[in-house]
Every structure is written in C-alpha cells, then in structure tokens.
Full PDB file with SEQRES, HELIX, SHEET, SSBOND, CRYST1, ORIGX, SCALE, CONECT and MASTER records, all heavy atoms in Angstrom:
SEQRES   1 A   36  ALA LEU GLN THR HIS PRO THR ILE THR LEU ILE SER GLU          
SEQRES   2 A   36  GLU VAL ARG GLU ARG ASP VAL PRO LEU SER GLU ILE VAL          
SEQRES   3 A   36  ASP ILE ILE ALA ARG THR ILE ILE GLU ARG                      
HELIX    1 AA1 SER A   12  ARG A   18  1                                   7    
HELIX    2 AA2 LEU A   22  GLU A   35  1                                  14    
CRYST1    1.000    1.000    1.000  90.00  90.00  90.00 P 1           1          
ORIGX1      1.000000  0.000000  0.000000        0.00000                         
ORIGX2      0.000000  1.000000  0.000000        0.00000                         
ORIGX3      0.000000  0.000000  1.000000        0.00000                         
SCALE1      1.000000  0.000000  0.000000        0.00000                         
SCALE2      0.000000  1.000000  0.000000        0.00000                         
SCALE3      0.000000  0.000000  1.000000        0.00000                         
ATOM      1  N   ALA A   1      85.149  83.003 -23.117  1.00  0.00           N  
ATOM      2  CA  ALA A   1      85.578  84.398 -23.244  1.00  0.00           C  
ATOM      3  C   ALA A   1      85.262  84.935 -24.640  1.00  0.00           C  
ATOM      4  O   ALA A   1      84.795  86.080 -24.793  1.00  0.00           O  
ATOM      5  CB  ALA A   1      87.071  84.511 -22.961  1.00  0.00           C  
ATOM      6  N   LEU A   2      85.492  84.117 -25.662  1.00  0.00           N  
ATOM      7  CA  LEU A   2      85.207  84.544 -27.037  1.00  0.00           C  
ATOM      8  C   LEU A   2      83.708  84.772 -27.247  1.00  0.00           C  
ATOM      9  O   LEU A   2      83.310  85.634 -28.038  1.00  0.00           O  
ATOM     10  CB  LEU A   2      85.724  83.499 -28.028  1.00  0.00           C  
ATOM     11  CG  LEU A   2      87.252  83.377 -28.134  1.00  0.00           C  
ATOM     12  CD1 LEU A   2      87.638  82.161 -28.966  1.00  0.00           C  
ATOM     13  CD2 LEU A   2      87.857  84.645 -28.730  1.00  0.00           C  
ATOM     14  N   GLN A   3      82.887  84.015 -26.527  1.00  0.00           N  
ATOM     15  CA  GLN A   3      81.441  84.148 -26.676  1.00  0.00           C  
ATOM     16  C   GLN A   3      80.858  85.303 -25.867  1.00  0.00           C  
ATOM     17  O   GLN A   3      79.789  85.818 -26.195  1.00  0.00           O  
ATOM     18  CB  GLN A   3      80.752  82.842 -26.264  1.00  0.00           C  
ATOM     19  CG  GLN A   3      81.008  81.677 -27.206  1.00  0.00           C  
ATOM     20  CD  GLN A   3      80.159  80.461 -26.873  1.00  0.00           C  
ATOM     21  OE1 GLN A   3      79.017  80.596 -26.437  1.00  0.00           O  
ATOM     22  NE2 GLN A   3      80.699  79.274 -27.071  1.00  0.00           N  
ATOM     23  N   THR A   4      81.544  85.707 -24.790  1.00  0.00           N  
ATOM     24  CA  THR A   4      80.931  86.675 -23.861  1.00  0.00           C  
ATOM     25  C   THR A   4      81.698  87.979 -23.680  1.00  0.00           C  
ATOM     26  O   THR A   4      81.124  88.960 -23.224  1.00  0.00           O  
ATOM     27  CB  THR A   4      80.765  86.028 -22.473  1.00  0.00           C  
ATOM     28  OG1 THR A   4      82.058  85.642 -21.977  1.00  0.00           O  
ATOM     29  CG2 THR A   4      79.863  84.804 -22.546  1.00  0.00           C  
ATOM     30  N   HIS A   5      82.999  88.010 -23.978  1.00  0.00           N  
ATOM     31  CA  HIS A   5      83.837  89.201 -23.806  1.00  0.00           C  
ATOM     32  C   HIS A   5      83.830  89.724 -22.364  1.00  0.00           C  
ATOM     33  O   HIS A   5      83.385  90.855 -22.102  1.00  0.00           O  
ATOM     34  CB  HIS A   5      83.397  90.308 -24.764  1.00  0.00           C  
ATOM     35  CG  HIS A   5      83.591  89.965 -26.203  1.00  0.00           C  
ATOM     36  ND1 HIS A   5      83.424  90.870 -27.225  1.00  0.00           N  
ATOM     37  CD2 HIS A   5      83.930  88.798 -26.810  1.00  0.00           C  
ATOM     38  CE1 HIS A   5      83.648  90.288 -28.385  1.00  0.00           C  
ATOM     39  NE2 HIS A   5      83.957  89.024 -28.156  1.00  0.00           N  
ATOM     40  N   PRO A   6      84.326  88.935 -21.405  1.00  0.00           N  
ATOM     41  CA  PRO A   6      84.406  89.400 -20.020  1.00  0.00           C  
ATOM     42  C   PRO A   6      85.482  90.475 -19.858  1.00  0.00           C  
ATOM     43  O   PRO A   6      86.246  90.738 -20.802  1.00  0.00           O  
ATOM     44  CB  PRO A   6      84.778  88.127 -19.249  1.00  0.00           C  
ATOM     45  CG  PRO A   6      85.528  87.303 -20.243  1.00  0.00           C  
ATOM     46  CD  PRO A   6      84.878  87.576 -21.566  1.00  0.00           C  
ATOM     47  N   THR A   7      85.552  91.054 -18.680  1.00  0.00           N  
ATOM     48  CA  THR A   7      86.509  92.131 -18.435  1.00  0.00           C  
ATOM     49  C   THR A   7      87.940  91.619 -18.487  1.00  0.00           C  
ATOM     50  O   THR A   7      88.815  92.224 -19.122  1.00  0.00           O  
ATOM     51  CB  THR A   7      86.241  92.766 -17.054  1.00  0.00           C  
ATOM     52  OG1 THR A   7      84.837  92.899 -16.856  1.00  0.00           O  
ATOM     53  CG2 THR A   7      86.910  94.121 -16.942  1.00  0.00           C  
ATOM     54  N   ILE A   8      88.214  90.527 -17.797  1.00  0.00           N  
ATOM     55  CA  ILE A   8      89.551  89.935 -17.759  1.00  0.00           C  
ATOM     56  C   ILE A   8      89.420  88.420 -17.900  1.00  0.00           C  
ATOM     57  O   ILE A   8      88.540  87.812 -17.287  1.00  0.00           O  
ATOM     58  CB  ILE A   8      90.283  90.251 -16.426  1.00  0.00           C  
ATOM     59  CG1 ILE A   8      90.483  91.761 -16.263  1.00  0.00           C  
ATOM     60  CG2 ILE A   8      91.618  89.528 -16.353  1.00  0.00           C  
ATOM     61  CD1 ILE A   8      91.039  92.157 -14.900  1.00  0.00           C  
ATOM     62  N   THR A   9      90.282  87.823 -18.704  1.00  0.00           N  
ATOM     63  CA  THR A   9      90.331  86.372 -18.834  1.00  0.00           C  
ATOM     64  C   THR A   9      91.764  85.906 -18.630  1.00  0.00           C  
ATOM     65  O   THR A   9      92.677  86.392 -19.311  1.00  0.00           O  
ATOM     66  CB  THR A   9      89.854  85.908 -20.226  1.00  0.00           C  
ATOM     67  OG1 THR A   9      88.526  86.364 -20.451  1.00  0.00           O  
ATOM     68  CG2 THR A   9      89.879  84.384 -20.322  1.00  0.00           C  
ATOM     69  N   LEU A  10      91.952  85.000 -17.706  1.00  0.00           N  
ATOM     70  CA  LEU A  10      93.271  84.414 -17.480  1.00  0.00           C  
ATOM     71  C   LEU A  10      93.378  83.117 -18.276  1.00  0.00           C  
ATOM     72  O   LEU A  10      92.470  82.297 -18.248  1.00  0.00           O  
ATOM     73  CB  LEU A  10      93.482  84.131 -15.993  1.00  0.00           C  
ATOM     74  CG  LEU A  10      93.391  85.347 -15.060  1.00  0.00           C  
ATOM     75  CD1 LEU A  10      93.545  84.910 -13.609  1.00  0.00           C  
ATOM     76  CD2 LEU A  10      94.461  86.378 -15.409  1.00  0.00           C  
ATOM     77  N   ILE A  11      94.489  82.941 -18.984  1.00  0.00           N  
ATOM     78  CA  ILE A  11      94.737  81.734 -19.760  1.00  0.00           C  
ATOM     79  C   ILE A  11      95.972  81.041 -19.184  1.00  0.00           C  
ATOM     80  O   ILE A  11      97.074  81.609 -19.203  1.00  0.00           O  
ATOM     81  CB  ILE A  11      94.937  82.057 -21.256  1.00  0.00           C  
ATOM     82  CG1 ILE A  11      93.697  82.752 -21.820  1.00  0.00           C  
ATOM     83  CG2 ILE A  11      95.261  80.798 -22.046  1.00  0.00           C  
ATOM     84  CD1 ILE A  11      92.431  81.915 -21.781  1.00  0.00           C  
ATOM     85  N   SER A  12      95.781  79.829 -18.677  1.00  0.00           N  
ATOM     86  CA  SER A  12      96.866  79.126 -17.984  1.00  0.00           C  
ATOM     87  C   SER A  12      98.105  78.979 -18.847  1.00  0.00           C  
ATOM     88  O   SER A  12      99.238  79.208 -18.398  1.00  0.00           O  
ATOM     89  CB  SER A  12      96.390  77.733 -17.549  1.00  0.00           C  
ATOM     90  OG  SER A  12      95.284  77.814 -16.695  1.00  0.00           O  
ATOM     91  N   GLU A  13      97.904  78.584 -20.111  1.00  0.00           N  
ATOM     92  CA  GLU A  13      99.039  78.350 -20.998  1.00  0.00           C  
ATOM     93  C   GLU A  13      99.840  79.631 -21.240  1.00  0.00           C  
ATOM     94  O   GLU A  13     101.070  79.598 -21.377  1.00  0.00           O  
ATOM     95  CB  GLU A  13      98.540  77.782 -22.332  1.00  0.00           C  
ATOM     96  CG  GLU A  13      97.961  76.379 -22.243  1.00  0.00           C  
ATOM     97  CD  GLU A  13      96.519  76.330 -21.758  1.00  0.00           C  
ATOM     98  OE1 GLU A  13      95.967  77.377 -21.360  1.00  0.00           O  
ATOM     99  OE2 GLU A  13      95.924  75.241 -21.791  1.00  0.00           O  
ATOM    100  N   GLU A  14      99.152  80.776 -21.271  1.00  0.00           N  
ATOM    101  CA  GLU A  14      99.844  82.059 -21.455  1.00  0.00           C  
ATOM    102  C   GLU A  14     100.638  82.415 -20.202  1.00  0.00           C  
ATOM    103  O   GLU A  14     101.753  82.951 -20.296  1.00  0.00           O  
ATOM    104  CB  GLU A  14      98.827  83.150 -21.766  1.00  0.00           C  
ATOM    105  CG  GLU A  14      99.454  84.477 -22.133  1.00  0.00           C  
ATOM    106  CD  GLU A  14      98.429  85.522 -22.542  1.00  0.00           C  
ATOM    107  OE1 GLU A  14      97.224  85.235 -22.491  1.00  0.00           O  
ATOM    108  OE2 GLU A  14      98.851  86.632 -22.909  1.00  0.00           O  
ATOM    109  N   VAL A  15     100.075  82.115 -19.039  1.00  0.00           N  
ATOM    110  CA  VAL A  15     100.787  82.354 -17.777  1.00  0.00           C  
ATOM    111  C   VAL A  15     102.087  81.570 -17.753  1.00  0.00           C  
ATOM    112  O   VAL A  15     103.145  82.082 -17.369  1.00  0.00           O  
ATOM    113  CB  VAL A  15      99.889  81.968 -16.575  1.00  0.00           C  
ATOM    114  CG1 VAL A  15     100.703  81.940 -15.279  1.00  0.00           C  
ATOM    115  CG2 VAL A  15      98.731  82.945 -16.447  1.00  0.00           C  
ATOM    116  N   ARG A  16     102.020  80.310 -18.179  1.00  0.00           N  
ATOM    117  CA  ARG A  16     103.239  79.480 -18.195  1.00  0.00           C  
ATOM    118  C   ARG A  16     104.222  79.961 -19.253  1.00  0.00           C  
ATOM    119  O   ARG A  16     105.431  80.043 -18.993  1.00  0.00           O  
ATOM    120  CB  ARG A  16     102.868  78.024 -18.465  1.00  0.00           C  
ATOM    121  CG  ARG A  16     104.082  77.096 -18.541  1.00  0.00           C  
ATOM    122  CD  ARG A  16     103.678  75.646 -18.642  1.00  0.00           C  
ATOM    123  NE  ARG A  16     102.876  75.393 -19.833  1.00  0.00           N  
ATOM    124  CZ  ARG A  16     102.253  74.233 -20.079  1.00  0.00           C  
ATOM    125  NH1 ARG A  16     102.336  73.247 -19.195  1.00  0.00           N  
ATOM    126  NH2 ARG A  16     101.532  74.075 -21.170  1.00  0.00           N  
ATOM    127  N   GLU A  17     103.710  80.290 -20.450  1.00  0.00           N  
ATOM    128  CA  GLU A  17     104.576  80.724 -21.547  1.00  0.00           C  
ATOM    129  C   GLU A  17     105.346  81.993 -21.174  1.00  0.00           C  
ATOM    130  O   GLU A  17     106.535  82.126 -21.485  1.00  0.00           O  
ATOM    131  CB  GLU A  17     103.727  80.969 -22.794  1.00  0.00           C  
ATOM    132  CG  GLU A  17     104.512  81.400 -24.013  1.00  0.00           C  
ATOM    133  CD  GLU A  17     105.403  80.308 -24.579  1.00  0.00           C  
ATOM    134  OE1 GLU A  17     105.113  79.112 -24.337  1.00  0.00           O  
ATOM    135  OE2 GLU A  17     106.388  80.647 -25.265  1.00  0.00           O  
ATOM    136  N   ARG A  18     104.672  82.913 -20.485  1.00  0.00           N  
ATOM    137  CA  ARG A  18     105.302  84.191 -20.120  1.00  0.00           C  
ATOM    138  C   ARG A  18     105.949  84.151 -18.739  1.00  0.00           C  
ATOM    139  O   ARG A  18     106.530  85.153 -18.307  1.00  0.00           O  
ATOM    140  CB  ARG A  18     104.256  85.313 -20.167  1.00  0.00           C  
ATOM    141  CG  ARG A  18     103.652  85.521 -21.557  1.00  0.00           C  
ATOM    142  CD  ARG A  18     102.760  86.746 -21.574  1.00  0.00           C  
ATOM    143  NE  ARG A  18     102.145  86.967 -22.867  1.00  0.00           N  
ATOM    144  CZ  ARG A  18     101.412  88.022 -23.180  1.00  0.00           C  
ATOM    145  NH1 ARG A  18     101.210  88.976 -22.279  1.00  0.00           N  
ATOM    146  NH2 ARG A  18     100.891  88.148 -24.391  1.00  0.00           N  
ATOM    147  N   ASP A  19     105.800  83.010 -18.070  1.00  0.00           N  
ATOM    148  CA  ASP A  19     106.401  82.836 -16.746  1.00  0.00           C  
ATOM    149  C   ASP A  19     105.941  83.937 -15.783  1.00  0.00           C  
ATOM    150  O   ASP A  19     106.739  84.593 -15.099  1.00  0.00           O  
ATOM    151  CB  ASP A  19     107.933  82.843 -16.856  1.00  0.00           C  
ATOM    152  CG  ASP A  19     108.593  82.139 -15.676  1.00  0.00           C  
ATOM    153  OD1 ASP A  19     107.965  81.237 -15.091  1.00  0.00           O  
ATOM    154  OD2 ASP A  19     109.736  82.507 -15.323  1.00  0.00           O  
ATOM    155  N   VAL A  20     104.611  84.147 -15.725  1.00  0.00           N  
ATOM    156  CA  VAL A  20     104.040  85.222 -14.905  1.00  0.00           C  
ATOM    157  C   VAL A  20     103.799  84.717 -13.481  1.00  0.00           C  
ATOM    158  O   VAL A  20     103.014  83.794 -13.275  1.00  0.00           O  
ATOM    159  CB  VAL A  20     102.701  85.716 -15.499  1.00  0.00           C  
ATOM    160  CG1 VAL A  20     102.183  86.914 -14.713  1.00  0.00           C  
ATOM    161  CG2 VAL A  20     102.862  86.076 -16.969  1.00  0.00           C  
ATOM    162  N   PRO A  21     104.449  85.301 -12.476  1.00  0.00           N  
ATOM    163  CA  PRO A  21     104.244  84.869 -11.088  1.00  0.00           C  
ATOM    164  C   PRO A  21     102.890  85.325 -10.555  1.00  0.00           C  
ATOM    165  O   PRO A  21     102.246  86.216 -11.132  1.00  0.00           O  
ATOM    166  CB  PRO A  21     105.392  85.542 -10.330  1.00  0.00           C  
ATOM    167  CG  PRO A  21     105.713  86.753 -11.136  1.00  0.00           C  
ATOM    168  CD  PRO A  21     105.461  86.377 -12.573  1.00  0.00           C  
ATOM    169  N   LEU A  22     102.470  84.725  -9.453  1.00  0.00           N  
ATOM    170  CA  LEU A  22     101.184  85.063  -8.848  1.00  0.00           C  
ATOM    171  C   LEU A  22     101.093  86.544  -8.507  1.00  0.00           C  
ATOM    172  O   LEU A  22     100.061  87.184  -8.743  1.00  0.00           O  
ATOM    173  CB  LEU A  22     100.961  84.215  -7.596  1.00  0.00           C  
ATOM    174  CG  LEU A  22      99.680  84.494  -6.811  1.00  0.00           C  
ATOM    175  CD1 LEU A  22      98.453  84.199  -7.660  1.00  0.00           C  
ATOM    176  CD2 LEU A  22      99.647  83.660  -5.533  1.00  0.00           C  
ATOM    177  N   SER A  23     102.172  87.115  -7.960  1.00  0.00           N  
ATOM    178  CA  SER A  23     102.156  88.528  -7.561  1.00  0.00           C  
ATOM    179  C   SER A  23     101.867  89.443  -8.741  1.00  0.00           C  
ATOM    180  O   SER A  23     101.156  90.447  -8.618  1.00  0.00           O  
ATOM    181  CB  SER A  23     103.500  88.906  -6.929  1.00  0.00           C  
ATOM    182  OG  SER A  23     104.563  88.662  -7.841  1.00  0.00           O  
ATOM    183  N   GLU A  24     102.398  89.085  -9.930  1.00  0.00           N  
ATOM    184  CA  GLU A  24     102.173  89.915 -11.113  1.00  0.00           C  
ATOM    185  C   GLU A  24     100.739  89.771 -11.614  1.00  0.00           C  
ATOM    186  O   GLU A  24     100.124  90.754 -12.059  1.00  0.00           O  
ATOM    187  CB  GLU A  24     103.162  89.534 -12.216  1.00  0.00           C  
ATOM    188  CG  GLU A  24     103.098  90.465 -13.418  1.00  0.00           C  
ATOM    189  CD  GLU A  24     104.164  90.154 -14.446  1.00  0.00           C  
ATOM    190  OE1 GLU A  24     105.213  89.564 -14.076  1.00  0.00           O  
ATOM    191  OE2 GLU A  24     103.959  90.503 -15.625  1.00  0.00           O  
ATOM    192  N   ILE A  25     100.198  88.551 -11.540  1.00  0.00           N  
ATOM    193  CA  ILE A  25      98.796  88.337 -11.942  1.00  0.00           C  
ATOM    194  C   ILE A  25      97.884  89.193 -11.073  1.00  0.00           C  
ATOM    195  O   ILE A  25      96.987  89.883 -11.572  1.00  0.00           O  
ATOM    196  CB  ILE A  25      98.422  86.854 -11.811  1.00  0.00           C  
ATOM    197  CG1 ILE A  25      99.205  86.007 -12.820  1.00  0.00           C  
ATOM    198  CG2 ILE A  25      96.914  86.650 -12.021  1.00  0.00           C  
ATOM    199  CD1 ILE A  25      99.026  84.511 -12.628  1.00  0.00           C  
ATOM    200  N   VAL A  26      98.120  89.138  -9.779  1.00  0.00           N  
ATOM    201  CA  VAL A  26      97.316  89.910  -8.824  1.00  0.00           C  
ATOM    202  C   VAL A  26      97.455  91.405  -9.090  1.00  0.00           C  
ATOM    203  O   VAL A  26      96.469  92.155  -9.076  1.00  0.00           O  
ATOM    204  CB  VAL A  26      97.738  89.569  -7.380  1.00  0.00           C  
ATOM    205  CG1 VAL A  26      97.078  90.523  -6.383  1.00  0.00           C  
ATOM    206  CG2 VAL A  26      97.371  88.123  -7.044  1.00  0.00           C  
ATOM    207  N   ASP A  27      98.671  91.852  -9.364  1.00  0.00           N  
ATOM    208  CA  ASP A  27      98.920  93.273  -9.600  1.00  0.00           C  
ATOM    209  C   ASP A  27      98.205  93.755 -10.861  1.00  0.00           C  
ATOM    210  O   ASP A  27      97.607  94.845 -10.869  1.00  0.00           O  
ATOM    211  CB  ASP A  27     100.429  93.511  -9.728  1.00  0.00           C  
ATOM    212  CG  ASP A  27     100.776  94.990  -9.731  1.00  0.00           C  
ATOM    213  OD1 ASP A  27     100.601  95.649  -8.683  1.00  0.00           O  
ATOM    214  OD2 ASP A  27     101.192  95.493 -10.796  1.00  0.00           O  
ATOM    215  N   ILE A  28      98.239  92.958 -11.919  1.00  0.00           N  
ATOM    216  CA  ILE A  28      97.576  93.334 -13.171  1.00  0.00           C  
ATOM    217  C   ILE A  28      96.070  93.480 -12.954  1.00  0.00           C  
ATOM    218  O   ILE A  28      95.450  94.453 -13.413  1.00  0.00           O  
ATOM    219  CB  ILE A  28      97.854  92.286 -14.267  1.00  0.00           C  
ATOM    220  CG1 ILE A  28      99.331  92.335 -14.687  1.00  0.00           C  
ATOM    221  CG2 ILE A  28      96.947  92.505 -15.474  1.00  0.00           C  
ATOM    222  CD1 ILE A  28      99.751  91.196 -15.593  1.00  0.00           C  
ATOM    223  N   ILE A  29      95.481  92.505 -12.249  1.00  0.00           N  
ATOM    224  CA  ILE A  29      94.039  92.562 -11.991  1.00  0.00           C  
ATOM    225  C   ILE A  29      93.699  93.774 -11.129  1.00  0.00           C  
ATOM    226  O   ILE A  29      92.750  94.516 -11.411  1.00  0.00           O  
ATOM    227  CB  ILE A  29      93.557  91.272 -11.307  1.00  0.00           C  
ATOM    228  CG1 ILE A  29      93.742  90.075 -12.247  1.00  0.00           C  
ATOM    229  CG2 ILE A  29      92.077  91.387 -10.903  1.00  0.00           C  
ATOM    230  CD1 ILE A  29      93.439  88.731 -11.594  1.00  0.00           C  
ATOM    231  N   ALA A  30      94.485  93.994 -10.059  1.00  0.00           N  
ATOM    232  CA  ALA A  30      94.224  95.110  -9.143  1.00  0.00           C  
ATOM    233  C   ALA A  30      94.303  96.452  -9.861  1.00  0.00           C  
ATOM    234  O   ALA A  30      93.440  97.322  -9.677  1.00  0.00           O  
ATOM    235  CB  ALA A  30      95.224  95.059  -7.986  1.00  0.00           C  
ATOM    236  N   ARG A  31      95.325  96.646 -10.682  1.00  0.00           N  
ATOM    237  CA  ARG A  31      95.489  97.927 -11.394  1.00  0.00           C  
ATOM    238  C   ARG A  31      94.372  98.131 -12.424  1.00  0.00           C  
ATOM    239  O   ARG A  31      93.925  99.267 -12.644  1.00  0.00           O  
ATOM    240  CB  ARG A  31      96.866  97.990 -12.052  1.00  0.00           C  
ATOM    241  CG  ARG A  31      98.017  98.086 -11.037  1.00  0.00           C  
ATOM    242  CD  ARG A  31      99.369  98.204 -11.704  1.00  0.00           C  
ATOM    243  NE  ARG A  31     100.436  98.180 -10.721  1.00  0.00           N  
ATOM    244  CZ  ARG A  31     100.851  99.236  -9.998  1.00  0.00           C  
ATOM    245  NH1 ARG A  31     100.261 100.426 -10.197  1.00  0.00           N  
ATOM    246  NH2 ARG A  31     101.824  99.126  -9.130  1.00  0.00           N  
ATOM    247  N   THR A  32      93.937  97.056 -13.047  1.00  0.00           N  
ATOM    248  CA  THR A  32      92.827  97.162 -13.996  1.00  0.00           C  
ATOM    249  C   THR A  32      91.557  97.615 -13.285  1.00  0.00           C  
ATOM    250  O   THR A  32      90.817  98.483 -13.779  1.00  0.00           O  
ATOM    251  CB  THR A  32      92.579  95.805 -14.677  1.00  0.00           C  
ATOM    252  OG1 THR A  32      93.757  95.400 -15.371  1.00  0.00           O  
ATOM    253  CG2 THR A  32      91.419  95.887 -15.665  1.00  0.00           C  
ATOM    254  N   ILE A  33      91.299  97.038 -12.120  1.00  0.00           N  
ATOM    255  CA  ILE A  33      90.110  97.393 -11.338  1.00  0.00           C  
ATOM    256  C   ILE A  33      90.174  98.857 -10.895  1.00  0.00           C  
ATOM    257  O   ILE A  33      89.172  99.588 -10.967  1.00  0.00           O  
ATOM    258  CB  ILE A  33      89.983  96.451 -10.119  1.00  0.00           C  
ATOM    259  CG1 ILE A  33      89.616  95.037 -10.602  1.00  0.00           C  
ATOM    260  CG2 ILE A  33      88.936  96.977  -9.126  1.00  0.00           C  
ATOM    261  CD1 ILE A  33      89.634  93.985  -9.511  1.00  0.00           C  
ATOM    262  N   ILE A  34      91.349  99.298 -10.475  1.00  0.00           N  
ATOM    263  CA  ILE A  34      91.517 100.685 -10.030  1.00  0.00           C  
ATOM    264  C   ILE A  34      91.277 101.658 -11.189  1.00  0.00           C  
ATOM    265  O   ILE A  34      90.577 102.678 -11.031  1.00  0.00           O  
ATOM    266  CB  ILE A  34      92.931 100.894  -9.430  1.00  0.00           C  
ATOM    267  CG1 ILE A  34      93.040 100.151  -8.090  1.00  0.00           C  
ATOM    268  CG2 ILE A  34      93.223 102.380  -9.231  1.00  0.00           C  
ATOM    269  CD1 ILE A  34      94.449 100.105  -7.534  1.00  0.00           C  
ATOM    270  N   GLU A  35      91.831 101.358 -12.349  1.00  0.00           N  
ATOM    271  CA  GLU A  35      91.660 102.227 -13.518  1.00  0.00           C  
ATOM    272  C   GLU A  35      90.193 102.302 -13.937  1.00  0.00           C  
ATOM    273  O   GLU A  35      89.678 103.369 -14.289  1.00  0.00           O  
ATOM    274  CB  GLU A  35      92.521 101.729 -14.680  1.00  0.00           C  
ATOM    275  CG  GLU A  35      94.002 101.992 -14.529  1.00  0.00           C  
ATOM    276  CD  GLU A  35      94.307 103.476 -14.361  1.00  0.00           C  
ATOM    277  OE1 GLU A  35      93.809 104.284 -15.178  1.00  0.00           O  
ATOM    278  OE2 GLU A  35      95.013 103.833 -13.391  1.00  0.00           O  
ATOM    279  N   ARG A  36      89.508 101.158 -13.903  1.00  0.00           N  
ATOM    280  CA  ARG A  36      88.087 101.168 -14.256  1.00  0.00           C  
ATOM    281  C   ARG A  36      87.279 101.963 -13.230  1.00  0.00           C  
ATOM    282  O   ARG A  36      86.328 102.673 -13.588  1.00  0.00           O  
ATOM    283  CB  ARG A  36      87.563  99.727 -14.355  1.00  0.00           C  
ATOM    284  CG  ARG A  36      87.945  99.025 -15.644  1.00  0.00           C  
ATOM    285  CD  ARG A  36      87.471  97.580 -15.652  1.00  0.00           C  
ATOM    286  NE  ARG A  36      86.029  97.440 -15.519  1.00  0.00           N  
ATOM    287  CZ  ARG A  36      85.156  97.484 -16.517  1.00  0.00           C  
ATOM    288  NH1 ARG A  36      85.593  97.670 -17.766  1.00  0.00           N  
ATOM    289  NH2 ARG A  36      83.858  97.334 -16.311  1.00  0.00           N  
TER     290      ARG A  36                                                      
MASTER        0    0    0    2    0    0    0    6  289    1    0    3          
END                                                                             
C-alpha cells in the first residue's frame, strides 16, 4: 500500500484494535464506492 497508494487498504491489526465487525467493514467500503 505504501508503494502503490491503492484506493482502500484493510489492515488486520487495525480491525482487531478497533473491534470493527464485518458489517461495518462492508459498509465503509460500499459508501466509499458510492461517493467515488
């Protein structure tokens, strides 16, 4: 990700640290796609 700058990058450790459920991950990606 640091070398290429993709649109969205998921980091497993951040998901665990923030306790982000699957539904929220999906929602964040979906809303980002809609806005773009």
